Amino acid sequence: MSAPASVGELYDHGTQGNAVFERCRRISLRMLEGTFRAGDRVLDFGCGTGDEALFLAGRGVRVLATDVLPGMVEATRAKAGAAGLGGMVEAVLLPEEGLGSEMDGGGLDGAYSSFGALNCLPDLGAFARDLHGSLKADAPFVCSVMGRPCLWEIALYMGVLKPREAFRRFAPVRAPVAGHVFDVKYYTAREMGRAFDGLFRIDSVRGFGLLPPPFGEKAFRSLPRYLDMAARWDPRALRGLGDHMFVGMRRT
């Protein structure tokens, strides 16, 4: 009998091979590569199984990888060790409420949070304050958050006569993530601005509203050229209406 799969293995299995998620990951990695430099020490909030932390560590960026799920922290440590990057990636378990207190004495060169980790926080404003105290002045913070109005999700669910699912993002929902249940909140670009106001300056918001959500990947698997176009083109009129928003900001 084979050993049971770990939380990290189950999470990876659920995302690998998804043509939409893979393109979202590429967008995220391009943002990170364009933001951080070799020698930087940065915070990864909600590291998952560590793929982005390892990507940056392989480029000389030291990463403080954090998550509230022990299985994710263990998976990140294991991957970093297997890749010979254990000295570049420090994986730390956080309390469920978020950062909780200033980290690294306010000396971090930047931070990032990808694919909805911020949506699982009980208080986004408290996180913004803690993060502000953890970063150097003018340090960058890049994140991807799940937006409230997702036109693709509304259209796909209304097409199968499921209005409750179509508009589920307009109220907090309880959702399982890697075996743990979180109260998930969805945000508009304006709400993101309010949560970080006075602490961070938002420089960019990208929405990729033409890219369908990952759960609809089967319907688009045979249309790779469309997915490639949707992952490149970000019409301003659809900004904030996709599955995720990609936000770039700097600590004031």
C-alpha atoms as a PDB file:
ATOM      1  CA  MET A   1       0.000   0.000   0.000  1.00  0.00           C
ATOM      2  CA  SER A   2       1.399   3.395  -0.967  1.00  0.00           C
ATOM      3  CA  ALA A   3       1.780   6.136   1.631  1.00  0.00           C
ATOM      4  CA  PRO A   4      -1.074   8.675   1.807  1.00  0.00           C
ATOM      5  CA  ALA A   5      -0.474  11.862  -0.133  1.00  0.00           C
ATOM      6  CA  SER A   6       0.574  14.886   1.899  1.00  0.00           C
ATOM      7  CA  VAL A   7      -1.380  18.153   1.926  1.00  0.00           C
ATOM      8  CA  GLY A   8       1.258  19.670  -0.319  1.00  0.00           C
ATOM      9  CA  GLU A   9       1.099  16.799  -2.805  1.00  0.00           C
ATOM     10  CA  LEU A  10      -2.697  17.029  -2.965  1.00  0.00           C
ATOM     11  CA  TYR A  11      -2.509  20.784  -3.532  1.00  0.00           C
ATOM     12  CA  ASP A  12       0.066  20.431  -6.296  1.00  0.00           C
ATOM     13  CA  HIS A  13      -1.952  17.683  -7.944  1.00  0.00           C
ATOM     14  CA  GLY A  14      -5.001  19.951  -8.025  1.00  0.00           C
ATOM     15  CA  THR A  15      -3.196  22.751  -9.863  1.00  0.00           C
ATOM     16  CA  GLN A  16      -0.665  21.010 -12.106  1.00  0.00           C
ATOM     17  CA  GLY A  17      -1.770  20.540 -15.684  1.00  0.00           C
ATOM     18  CA  ASN A  18      -4.510  23.184 -15.446  1.00  0.00           C
ATOM     19  CA  ALA A  19      -3.940  25.293 -18.565  1.00  0.00           C
ATOM     20  CA  VAL A  20      -5.522  28.412 -17.047  1.00  0.00           C
ATOM     21  CA  PHE A  21      -3.702  28.189 -13.722  1.00  0.00           C
ATOM     22  CA  GLU A  22      -0.398  27.640 -15.512  1.00  0.00           C
ATOM     23  CA  ARG A  23      -0.895  30.924 -17.378  1.00  0.00           C
ATOM     24  CA  CYS A  24      -1.859  32.709 -14.166  1.00  0.00           C
ATOM     25  CA  ARG A  25       1.340  31.361 -12.620  1.00  0.00           C
ATOM     26  CA  ARG A  26       3.385  32.732 -15.514  1.00  0.00           C
ATOM     27  CA  ILE A  27       1.824  36.176 -15.027  1.00  0.00           C
ATOM     28  CA  SER A  28       2.684  36.028 -11.333  1.00  0.00           C
ATOM     29  CA  LEU A  29       6.264  34.876 -11.933  1.00  0.00           C
ATOM     30  CA  ARG A  30       6.836  37.674 -14.455  1.00  0.00           C
ATOM     31  CA  MET A  31       5.682  40.194 -11.851  1.00  0.00           C
ATOM     32  CA  LEU A  32       8.013  38.741  -9.235  1.00  0.00           C
ATOM     33  CA  GLU A  33      10.976  38.538 -11.599  1.00  0.00           C
ATOM     34  CA  GLY A  34      10.458  42.158 -12.605  1.00  0.00           C
ATOM     35  CA  THR A  35      10.171  43.341  -9.010  1.00  0.00           C
ATOM     36  CA  PHE A  36      12.871  41.622  -6.965  1.00  0.00           C
ATOM     37  CA  ARG A  37      16.627  41.388  -7.457  1.00  0.00           C
ATOM     38  CA  ALA A  38      19.402  39.038  -6.365  1.00  0.00           C
ATOM     39  CA  GLY A  39      20.408  39.833  -2.792  1.00  0.00           C
ATOM     40  CA  ASP A  40      16.930  40.999  -1.743  1.00  0.00           C
ATOM     41  CA  ARG A  41      15.291  39.423   1.293  1.00  0.00           C
ATOM     42  CA  VAL A  42      11.547  39.225   0.727  1.00  0.00           C
ATOM     43  CA  LEU A  43       8.435  37.904   2.449  1.00  0.00           C
ATOM     44  CA  ASP A  44       6.201  35.333   0.770  1.00  0.00           C
ATOM     45  CA  PHE A  45       2.822  35.480   2.525  1.00  0.00           C
ATOM     46  CA  GLY A  46       0.830  32.333   1.803  1.00  0.00           C
ATOM     47  CA  CYS A  47       3.674  30.396   0.203  1.00  0.00           C
ATOM     48  CA  GLY A  48       1.638  27.288  -0.605  1.00  0.00           C
ATOM     49  CA  THR A  49       4.015  24.523  -1.602  1.00  0.00           C
ATOM     50  CA  GLY A  50       6.823  26.963  -2.355  1.00  0.00           C
ATOM     51  CA  ASP A  51       6.953  27.111  -6.161  1.00  0.00           C
ATOM     52  CA  GLU A  52       7.318  30.901  -6.316  1.00  0.00           C
ATOM     53  CA  ALA A  53       9.746  30.960  -3.386  1.00  0.00           C
ATOM     54  CA  LEU A  54      11.968  28.455  -5.207  1.00  0.00           C
ATOM     55  CA  PHE A  55      11.680  30.437  -8.441  1.00  0.00           C
ATOM     56  CA  LEU A  56      13.021  33.549  -6.714  1.00  0.00           C
ATOM     57  CA  ALA A  57      15.600  31.670  -4.650  1.00  0.00           C
ATOM     58  CA  GLY A  58      17.019  30.236  -7.862  1.00  0.00           C
ATOM     59  CA  ARG A  59      17.593  33.839  -8.961  1.00  0.00           C
ATOM     60  CA  GLY A  60      19.459  34.824  -5.828  1.00  0.00           C
ATOM     61  CA  VAL A  61      16.555  36.247  -3.813  1.00  0.00           C
ATOM     62  CA  ARG A  62      16.353  35.173  -0.164  1.00  0.00           C
ATOM     63  CA  VAL A  63      12.772  34.285   0.728  1.00  0.00           C
ATOM     64  CA  LEU A  64      11.009  34.184   4.085  1.00  0.00           C
ATOM     65  CA  ALA A  65       8.218  31.809   3.048  1.00  0.00           C
ATOM     66  CA  THR A  66       5.212  31.825   5.365  1.00  0.00           C
ATOM     67  CA  ASP A  67       1.876  30.040   5.565  1.00  0.00           C
ATOM     68  CA  VAL A  68      -0.800  29.270   8.155  1.00  0.00           C
ATOM     69  CA  LEU A  69      -1.007  25.613   7.066  1.00  0.00           C
ATOM     70  CA  PRO A  70       1.697  23.317   8.500  1.00  0.00           C
ATOM     71  CA  GLY A  71       1.493  21.012   5.466  1.00  0.00           C
ATOM     72  CA  MET A  72       2.363  23.886   3.132  1.00  0.00           C
ATOM     73  CA  VAL A  73       5.330  24.954   5.261  1.00  0.00           C
ATOM     74  CA  GLU A  74       6.603  21.364   5.359  1.00  0.00           C
ATOM     75  CA  ALA A  75       6.201  21.016   1.583  1.00  0.00           C
ATOM     76  CA  THR A  76       8.114  24.249   0.978  1.00  0.00           C
ATOM     77  CA  ARG A  77      10.968  23.135   3.231  1.00  0.00           C
ATOM     78  CA  ALA A  78      11.126  19.766   1.494  1.00  0.00           C
ATOM     79  CA  LYS A  79      11.159  21.281  -1.987  1.00  0.00           C
ATOM     80  CA  ALA A  80      13.804  23.836  -1.043  1.00  0.00           C
ATOM     81  CA  GLY A  81      16.005  21.117   0.437  1.00  0.00           C
ATOM     82  CA  ALA A  82      15.584  18.841  -2.581  1.00  0.00           C
ATOM     83  CA  ALA A  83      16.513  21.714  -4.908  1.00  0.00           C
ATOM     84  CA  GLY A  84      19.594  22.632  -2.867  1.00  0.00           C
ATOM     85  CA  LEU A  85      18.023  25.973  -1.929  1.00  0.00           C
ATOM     86  CA  GLY A  86      17.507  25.380   1.781  1.00  0.00           C
ATOM     87  CA  GLY A  87      19.874  28.228   2.587  1.00  0.00           C
ATOM     88  CA  MET A  88      17.849  30.654   0.467  1.00  0.00           C
ATOM     89  CA  VAL A  89      14.323  29.748   1.635  1.00  0.00           C
ATOM     90  CA  GLU A  90      13.276  29.962   5.273  1.00  0.00           C
ATOM     91  CA  ALA A  91       9.794  28.456   5.750  1.00  0.00           C
ATOM     92  CA  VAL A  92       7.844  29.701   8.782  1.00  0.00           C
ATOM     93  CA  LEU A  93       4.408  28.804  10.161  1.00  0.00           C
ATOM     94  CA  LEU A  94       2.188  31.818  10.915  1.00  0.00           C
ATOM     95  CA  PRO A  95      -0.859  32.222  13.156  1.00  0.00           C
ATOM     96  CA  GLU A  96      -4.144  32.105  11.259  1.00  0.00           C
ATOM     97  CA  GLU A  97      -4.821  35.829  11.719  1.00  0.00           C
ATOM     98  CA  GLY A  98      -1.852  36.707   9.520  1.00  0.00           C
ATOM     99  CA  LEU A  99       1.530  38.270  10.211  1.00  0.00           C
ATOM    100  CA  GLY A 100       0.527  39.107  13.765  1.00  0.00           C
ATOM    101  CA  SER A 101       3.528  41.350  14.450  1.00  0.00           C
ATOM    102  CA  GLU A 102       6.462  43.041  12.779  1.00  0.00           C
ATOM    103  CA  MET A 103       8.745  40.556  11.063  1.00  0.00           C
ATOM    104  CA  ASP A 104      12.478  40.787  10.518  1.00  0.00           C
ATOM    105  CA  GLY A 105      12.756  44.102  12.365  1.00  0.00           C
ATOM    106  CA  GLY A 106      11.284  46.109   9.516  1.00  0.00           C
ATOM    107  CA  GLY A 107      14.240  45.265   7.291  1.00  0.00           C
ATOM    108  CA  LEU A 108      12.637  43.249   4.491  1.00  0.00           C
ATOM    109  CA  ASP A 109      13.317  44.454   0.952  1.00  0.00           C
ATOM    110  CA  GLY A 110       9.850  43.543  -0.306  1.00  0.00           C
ATOM    111  CA  ALA A 111       6.960  41.115  -0.116  1.00  0.00           C
ATOM    112  CA  TYR A 112       4.465  39.249  -2.246  1.00  0.00           C
ATOM    113  CA  SER A 113       1.308  37.203  -1.790  1.00  0.00           C
ATOM    114  CA  SER A 114      -0.149  35.122  -4.578  1.00  0.00           C
ATOM    115  CA  PHE A 115      -3.433  33.469  -5.558  1.00  0.00           C
ATOM    116  CA  GLY A 116      -5.864  34.462  -2.868  1.00  0.00           C
ATOM    117  CA  ALA A 117      -3.943  34.160   0.403  1.00  0.00           C
ATOM    118  CA  LEU A 118      -5.056  37.709   1.264  1.00  0.00           C
ATOM    119  CA  ASN A 119      -8.680  36.704   0.650  1.00  0.00           C
ATOM    120  CA  CYS A 120      -8.461  34.286   3.579  1.00  0.00           C
ATOM    121  CA  LEU A 121      -7.445  36.922   6.136  1.00  0.00           C
ATOM    122  CA  PRO A 122      -9.952  37.997   8.810  1.00  0.00           C
ATOM    123  CA  ASP A 123      -8.723  41.624   8.654  1.00  0.00           C
ATOM    124  CA  LEU A 124      -6.955  42.902   5.539  1.00  0.00           C
ATOM    125  CA  GLY A 125      -6.330  46.322   7.107  1.00  0.00           C
ATOM    126  CA  ALA A 126      -4.514  44.752  10.073  1.00  0.00           C
ATOM    127  CA  PHE A 127      -2.338  42.791   7.652  1.00  0.00           C
ATOM    128  CA  ALA A 128      -1.493  46.017   5.787  1.00  0.00           C
ATOM    129  CA  ARG A 129      -0.376  47.644   9.042  1.00  0.00           C
ATOM    130  CA  ASP A 130       1.759  44.662  10.058  1.00  0.00           C
ATOM    131  CA  LEU A 131       3.294  44.450   6.597  1.00  0.00           C
ATOM    132  CA  HIS A 132       4.092  48.172   6.636  1.00  0.00           C
ATOM    133  CA  GLY A 133       6.094  47.639   9.819  1.00  0.00           C
ATOM    134  CA  SER A 134       7.992  44.729   8.295  1.00  0.00           C
ATOM    135  CA  LEU A 135       9.292  46.441   5.136  1.00  0.00           C
ATOM    136  CA  LYS A 136      11.882  49.072   4.371  1.00  0.00           C
ATOM    137  CA  ALA A 137      10.675  52.439   3.103  1.00  0.00           C
ATOM    138  CA  ASP A 138       9.572  52.314  -0.555  1.00  0.00           C
ATOM    139  CA  ALA A 139       9.801  48.502  -0.576  1.00  0.00           C
ATOM    140  CA  PRO A 140       7.540  46.813  -3.167  1.00  0.00           C
ATOM    141  CA  PHE A 141       4.601  44.557  -2.401  1.00  0.00           C
ATOM    142  CA  VAL A 142       2.964  42.603  -5.225  1.00  0.00           C
ATOM    143  CA  CYS A 143      -0.077  40.423  -4.787  1.00  0.00           C
ATOM    144  CA  SER A 144      -2.832  38.609  -6.619  1.00  0.00           C
ATOM    145  CA  VAL A 145      -6.257  38.575  -4.991  1.00  0.00           C
ATOM    146  CA  MET A 146      -9.587  37.103  -6.007  1.00  0.00           C
ATOM    147  CA  GLY A 147     -11.872  39.908  -7.134  1.00  0.00           C
ATOM    148  CA  ARG A 148     -15.529  40.222  -6.286  1.00  0.00           C
ATOM    149  CA  PRO A 149     -17.185  40.607  -9.693  1.00  0.00           C
ATOM    150  CA  CYS A 150     -15.891  37.835 -11.976  1.00  0.00           C
ATOM    151  CA  LEU A 151     -17.686  38.091 -15.309  1.00  0.00           C
ATOM    152  CA  TRP A 152     -16.580  34.636 -16.449  1.00  0.00           C
ATOM    153  CA  GLU A 153     -17.869  33.006 -13.284  1.00  0.00           C
ATOM    154  CA  ILE A 154     -21.194  34.826 -13.520  1.00  0.00           C
ATOM    155  CA  ALA A 155     -21.621  33.859 -17.179  1.00  0.00           C
ATOM    156  CA  LEU A 156     -20.572  30.227 -16.751  1.00  0.00           C
ATOM    157  CA  TYR A 157     -22.841  29.566 -13.781  1.00  0.00           C
ATOM    158  CA  MET A 158     -25.794  31.485 -15.154  1.00  0.00           C
ATOM    159  CA  GLY A 159     -25.405  29.392 -18.310  1.00  0.00           C
ATOM    160  CA  VAL A 160     -26.213  26.293 -16.272  1.00  0.00           C
ATOM    161  CA  LEU A 161     -28.937  28.049 -14.221  1.00  0.00           C
ATOM    162  CA  LYS A 162     -27.000  28.296 -10.945  1.00  0.00           C
ATOM    163  CA  PRO A 163     -27.521  31.930  -9.845  1.00  0.00           C
ATOM    164  CA  ARG A 164     -26.377  31.326  -6.269  1.00  0.00           C
ATOM    165  CA  GLU A 165     -22.961  30.139  -7.477  1.00  0.00           C
ATOM    166  CA  ALA A 166     -22.854  32.887 -10.122  1.00  0.00           C
ATOM    167  CA  PHE A 167     -22.983  35.634  -7.486  1.00  0.00           C
ATOM    168  CA  ARG A 168     -21.341  33.821  -4.576  1.00  0.00           C
ATOM    169  CA  ARG A 169     -18.438  36.278  -4.425  1.00  0.00           C
ATOM    170  CA  PHE A 170     -20.702  39.137  -3.370  1.00  0.00           C
ATOM    171  CA  ALA A 171     -20.696  37.841   0.221  1.00  0.00           C
ATOM    172  CA  PRO A 172     -18.037  36.080   2.327  1.00  0.00           C
ATOM    173  CA  VAL A 173     -18.043  32.313   1.893  1.00  0.00           C
ATOM    174  CA  ARG A 174     -16.597  29.410   3.835  1.00  0.00           C
ATOM    175  CA  ALA A 175     -14.298  27.470   1.565  1.00  0.00           C
ATOM    176  CA  PRO A 176     -11.925  24.525   2.016  1.00  0.00           C
ATOM    177  CA  VAL A 177      -8.288  25.153   1.108  1.00  0.00           C
ATOM    178  CA  ALA A 178      -5.940  22.159   1.339  1.00  0.00           C
ATOM    179  CA  GLY A 179      -8.074  20.527   4.017  1.00  0.00           C
ATOM    180  CA  HIS A 180      -8.641  23.671   6.088  1.00  0.00           C
ATOM    181  CA  VAL A 181     -11.791  25.802   5.998  1.00  0.00           C
ATOM    182  CA  PHE A 182     -11.370  29.580   5.662  1.00  0.00           C
ATOM    183  CA  ASP A 183     -13.804  32.468   5.654  1.00  0.00           C
ATOM    184  CA  VAL A 184     -13.025  33.895   2.212  1.00  0.00           C
ATOM    185  CA  LYS A 185     -13.707  37.534   1.316  1.00  0.00           C
ATOM    186  CA  TYR A 186     -13.580  38.937  -2.216  1.00  0.00           C
ATOM    187  CA  TYR A 187     -12.360  42.462  -2.990  1.00  0.00           C
ATOM    188  CA  THR A 188     -12.773  45.198  -5.530  1.00  0.00           C
ATOM    189  CA  ALA A 189      -9.797  47.337  -6.564  1.00  0.00           C
ATOM    190  CA  ARG A 190     -11.278  50.232  -4.570  1.00  0.00           C
ATOM    191  CA  GLU A 191     -11.497  48.118  -1.417  1.00  0.00           C
ATOM    192  CA  MET A 192      -7.883  47.070  -1.840  1.00  0.00           C
ATOM    193  CA  GLY A 193      -6.943  50.737  -2.053  1.00  0.00           C
ATOM    194  CA  ARG A 194      -8.847  51.548   1.146  1.00  0.00           C
ATOM    195  CA  ALA A 195      -7.264  48.675   3.103  1.00  0.00           C
ATOM    196  CA  PHE A 196      -3.730  49.825   2.233  1.00  0.00           C
ATOM    197  CA  ASP A 197      -4.427  53.585   2.160  1.00  0.00           C
ATOM    198  CA  GLY A 198      -1.808  55.705   3.904  1.00  0.00           C
ATOM    199  CA  LEU A 199       0.547  52.744   4.226  1.00  0.00           C
ATOM    200  CA  PHE A 200       1.190  51.753   0.616  1.00  0.00           C
ATOM    201  CA  ARG A 201       0.956  53.512  -2.732  1.00  0.00           C
ATOM    202  CA  ILE A 202      -0.753  51.416  -5.401  1.00  0.00           C
ATOM    203  CA  ASP A 203       1.163  51.671  -8.672  1.00  0.00           C
ATOM    204  CA  SER A 204      -0.628  49.144 -10.865  1.00  0.00           C
ATOM    205  CA  VAL A 205      -3.747  46.995 -11.041  1.00  0.00           C
ATOM    206  CA  ARG A 206      -4.091  44.329 -13.716  1.00  0.00           C
ATOM    207  CA  GLY A 207      -7.160  42.181 -14.139  1.00  0.00           C
ATOM    208  CA  PHE A 208      -6.827  39.916 -17.205  1.00  0.00           C
ATOM    209  CA  GLY A 209     -10.601  39.877 -17.524  1.00  0.00           C
ATOM    210  CA  LEU A 210     -10.439  37.829 -20.741  1.00  0.00           C
ATOM    211  CA  LEU A 211      -8.820  34.885 -18.926  1.00  0.00           C
ATOM    212  CA  PRO A 212     -11.398  32.383 -17.594  1.00  0.00           C
ATOM    213  CA  PRO A 213     -11.178  31.069 -14.010  1.00  0.00           C
ATOM    214  CA  PRO A 214      -9.196  27.849 -13.532  1.00  0.00           C
ATOM    215  CA  PHE A 215     -12.319  25.802 -12.747  1.00  0.00           C
ATOM    216  CA  GLY A 216     -13.509  26.451 -16.313  1.00  0.00           C
ATOM    217  CA  GLU A 217     -10.287  25.165 -17.831  1.00  0.00           C
ATOM    218  CA  LYS A 218     -11.834  22.117 -19.514  1.00  0.00           C
ATOM    219  CA  ALA A 219     -13.927  24.309 -21.783  1.00  0.00           C
ATOM    220  CA  PHE A 220     -10.799  26.127 -23.019  1.00  0.00           C
ATOM    221  CA  ARG A 221      -8.214  23.334 -23.065  1.00  0.00           C
ATOM    222  CA  SER A 222      -8.512  23.045 -26.846  1.00  0.00           C
ATOM    223  CA  LEU A 223      -8.034  26.819 -27.293  1.00  0.00           C
ATOM    224  CA  PRO A 224      -4.427  27.450 -26.235  1.00  0.00           C
ATOM    225  CA  ARG A 225      -4.027  30.430 -28.563  1.00  0.00           C
ATOM    226  CA  TYR A 226      -6.998  32.148 -26.949  1.00  0.00           C
ATOM    227  CA  LEU A 227      -5.603  31.476 -23.475  1.00  0.00           C
ATOM    228  CA  ASP A 228      -2.204  32.844 -24.507  1.00  0.00           C
ATOM    229  CA  MET A 229      -3.836  36.001 -25.864  1.00  0.00           C
ATOM    230  CA  ALA A 230      -5.976  36.396 -22.725  1.00  0.00           C
ATOM    231  CA  ALA A 231      -2.887  36.050 -20.526  1.00  0.00           C
ATOM    232  CA  ARG A 232      -1.130  38.852 -22.439  1.00  0.00           C
ATOM    233  CA  TRP A 233      -3.923  41.333 -23.084  1.00  0.00           C
ATOM    234  CA  ASP A 234      -5.423  43.279 -20.191  1.00  0.00           C
ATOM    235  CA  PRO A 235      -8.218  45.568 -21.443  1.00  0.00           C
ATOM    236  CA  ARG A 236      -8.725  48.477 -19.071  1.00  0.00           C
ATOM    237  CA  ALA A 237     -12.515  48.174 -19.417  1.00  0.00           C
ATOM    238  CA  LEU A 238     -12.373  44.642 -17.926  1.00  0.00           C
ATOM    239  CA  ARG A 239      -9.864  45.411 -15.188  1.00  0.00           C
ATOM    240  CA  GLY A 240     -11.081  44.114 -11.861  1.00  0.00           C
ATOM    241  CA  LEU A 241     -13.630  41.820 -13.520  1.00  0.00           C
ATOM    242  CA  GLY A 242     -11.483  38.696 -13.869  1.00  0.00           C
ATOM    243  CA  ASP A 243     -10.874  35.782 -11.526  1.00  0.00           C
ATOM    244  CA  HIS A 244      -7.832  37.512  -9.989  1.00  0.00           C
ATOM    245  CA  MET A 245      -6.438  41.029  -9.765  1.00  0.00           C
ATOM    246  CA  PHE A 246      -2.663  41.480  -9.862  1.00  0.00           C
ATOM    247  CA  VAL A 247      -1.737  44.530  -7.774  1.00  0.00           C
ATOM    248  CA  GLY A 248       1.621  46.254  -7.440  1.00  0.00           C
ATOM    249  CA  MET A 249       2.276  48.758  -4.652  1.00  0.00           C
ATOM    250  CA  ARG A 250       5.043  50.324  -2.550  1.00  0.00           C
ATOM    251  CA  ARG A 251       5.392  51.038   1.139  1.00  0.00           C
ATOM    252  CA  THR A 252       5.087  54.744   1.925  1.00  0.00           C
END
